[in-house]
Amino acid sequence: MILEKRMISYQPFYETLYRKNLTEYALIFKFGFPAATLHRMKHSKPINTTTLDTLCEILQCPVSDILEYVPPEDI
């Protein structure tokens, strides 16, 4: 099995949630954000730009507060 290196990190998203005192539970039940999408993010899977737009709207933040590019040599 070949392990795939991911160059996009969602670590800023979790830091933003913490900073804004929000939980994944609140995103799902208060804002109707799909749990499956949070699962994808937790496992470093791709999400689409509409999802990014939705998160930025909910969290009132720029895209850089949701994800960051990590060069392959830093993985």
C-alpha atoms as a PDB file:
ATOM      1  CA  MET A   1       0.000   0.000   0.000  1.00  0.00           C
ATOM      2  CA  ILE A   2       1.341   3.423  -0.946  1.00  0.00           C
ATOM      3  CA  LEU A   3       0.785   6.152   1.614  1.00  0.00           C
ATOM      4  CA  GLU A   4      -0.271   9.363  -0.012  1.00  0.00           C
ATOM      5  CA  LYS A   5       1.291  12.566   1.283  1.00  0.00           C
ATOM      6  CA  ARG A   6      -1.173  15.409   1.686  1.00  0.00           C
ATOM      7  CA  MET A   7       0.070  18.925   1.106  1.00  0.00           C
ATOM      8  CA  ILE A   8      -3.026  20.678   2.458  1.00  0.00           C
ATOM      9  CA  SER A   9      -3.398  20.834   6.230  1.00  0.00           C
ATOM     10  CA  TYR A  10      -6.627  21.726   8.027  1.00  0.00           C
ATOM     11  CA  GLN A  11      -4.786  22.426  11.275  1.00  0.00           C
ATOM     12  CA  PRO A  12      -5.644  26.170  11.030  1.00  0.00           C
ATOM     13  CA  PHE A  13      -9.342  25.189  10.992  1.00  0.00           C
ATOM     14  CA  TYR A  14      -9.070  23.474  14.370  1.00  0.00           C
ATOM     15  CA  GLU A  15      -7.101  26.408  15.765  1.00  0.00           C
ATOM     16  CA  THR A  16      -9.797  28.786  14.481  1.00  0.00           C
ATOM     17  CA  LEU A  17     -12.561  26.695  16.063  1.00  0.00           C
ATOM     18  CA  TYR A  18     -10.707  26.824  19.380  1.00  0.00           C
ATOM     19  CA  ARG A  19     -10.047  30.566  19.113  1.00  0.00           C
ATOM     20  CA  LYS A  20     -13.724  31.228  18.348  1.00  0.00           C
ATOM     21  CA  ASN A  21     -14.863  28.882  21.115  1.00  0.00           C
ATOM     22  CA  LEU A  22     -16.796  26.642  18.721  1.00  0.00           C
ATOM     23  CA  THR A  23     -16.988  22.876  18.496  1.00  0.00           C
ATOM     24  CA  GLU A  24     -17.564  20.475  15.629  1.00  0.00           C
ATOM     25  CA  TYR A  25     -20.829  19.617  17.379  1.00  0.00           C
ATOM     26  CA  ALA A  26     -21.944  23.265  17.110  1.00  0.00           C
ATOM     27  CA  LEU A  27     -21.025  23.363  13.423  1.00  0.00           C
ATOM     28  CA  ILE A  28     -23.158  20.293  12.786  1.00  0.00           C
ATOM     29  CA  PHE A  29     -26.198  21.065  14.925  1.00  0.00           C
ATOM     30  CA  LYS A  30     -26.284  24.869  15.072  1.00  0.00           C
ATOM     31  CA  PHE A  31     -25.115  25.648  11.538  1.00  0.00           C
ATOM     32  CA  GLY A  32     -26.129  22.448   9.717  1.00  0.00           C
ATOM     33  CA  PHE A  33     -22.589  21.734   8.530  1.00  0.00           C
ATOM     34  CA  PRO A  34     -22.245  18.148   7.234  1.00  0.00           C
ATOM     35  CA  ALA A  35     -20.567  15.744   9.659  1.00  0.00           C
ATOM     36  CA  ALA A  36     -19.207  13.835   6.661  1.00  0.00           C
ATOM     37  CA  THR A  37     -17.274  16.922   5.574  1.00  0.00           C
ATOM     38  CA  LEU A  38     -15.739  17.310   9.027  1.00  0.00           C
ATOM     39  CA  HIS A  39     -14.764  13.643   8.828  1.00  0.00           C
ATOM     40  CA  ARG A  40     -13.073  14.284   5.460  1.00  0.00           C
ATOM     41  CA  MET A  41     -11.153  17.214   6.915  1.00  0.00           C
ATOM     42  CA  LYS A  42     -10.123  15.231   9.980  1.00  0.00           C
ATOM     43  CA  HIS A  43      -8.633  12.612   7.642  1.00  0.00           C
ATOM     44  CA  SER A  44      -6.916  15.195   5.392  1.00  0.00           C
ATOM     45  CA  LYS A  45      -9.192  14.524   2.433  1.00  0.00           C
ATOM     46  CA  PRO A  46      -9.984  17.237  -0.116  1.00  0.00           C
ATOM     47  CA  ILE A  47     -12.980  19.542   0.225  1.00  0.00           C
ATOM     48  CA  ASN A  48     -14.391  21.865  -2.423  1.00  0.00           C
ATOM     49  CA  THR A  49     -14.340  25.640  -2.632  1.00  0.00           C
ATOM     50  CA  THR A  50     -18.058  25.906  -1.856  1.00  0.00           C
ATOM     51  CA  THR A  51     -17.335  24.189   1.448  1.00  0.00           C
ATOM     52  CA  LEU A  52     -14.455  26.586   2.092  1.00  0.00           C
ATOM     53  CA  ASP A  53     -16.757  29.496   1.358  1.00  0.00           C
ATOM     54  CA  THR A  54     -19.353  28.142   3.789  1.00  0.00           C
ATOM     55  CA  LEU A  55     -16.776  27.662   6.550  1.00  0.00           C
ATOM     56  CA  CYS A  56     -15.398  31.171   6.026  1.00  0.00           C
ATOM     57  CA  GLU A  57     -18.916  32.568   6.256  1.00  0.00           C
ATOM     58  CA  ILE A  58     -19.775  30.616   9.413  1.00  0.00           C
ATOM     59  CA  LEU A  59     -16.460  31.386  11.117  1.00  0.00           C
ATOM     60  CA  GLN A  60     -16.150  34.920   9.694  1.00  0.00           C
ATOM     61  CA  CYS A  61     -12.549  34.306   8.676  1.00  0.00           C
ATOM     62  CA  PRO A  62     -10.259  34.175   5.639  1.00  0.00           C
ATOM     63  CA  VAL A  63      -9.423  30.887   3.900  1.00  0.00           C
ATOM     64  CA  SER A  64      -5.983  30.932   5.546  1.00  0.00           C
ATOM     65  CA  ASP A  65      -7.769  30.342   8.874  1.00  0.00           C
ATOM     66  CA  ILE A  66      -9.166  27.081   7.445  1.00  0.00           C
ATOM     67  CA  LEU A  67      -6.255  25.479   5.615  1.00  0.00           C
ATOM     68  CA  GLU A  68      -2.610  25.868   4.765  1.00  0.00           C
ATOM     69  CA  TYR A  69      -0.236  24.504   2.161  1.00  0.00           C
ATOM     70  CA  VAL A  70       2.548  22.324   3.532  1.00  0.00           C
ATOM     71  CA  PRO A  71       5.421  21.712   1.087  1.00  0.00           C
ATOM     72  CA  PRO A  72       6.174  18.013   0.484  1.00  0.00           C
ATOM     73  CA  GLU A  73       9.608  18.299   2.045  1.00  0.00           C
ATOM     74  CA  ASP A  74       7.962  19.417   5.320  1.00  0.00           C
ATOM     75  CA  ILE A  75       5.647  16.416   5.548  1.00  0.00           C
END
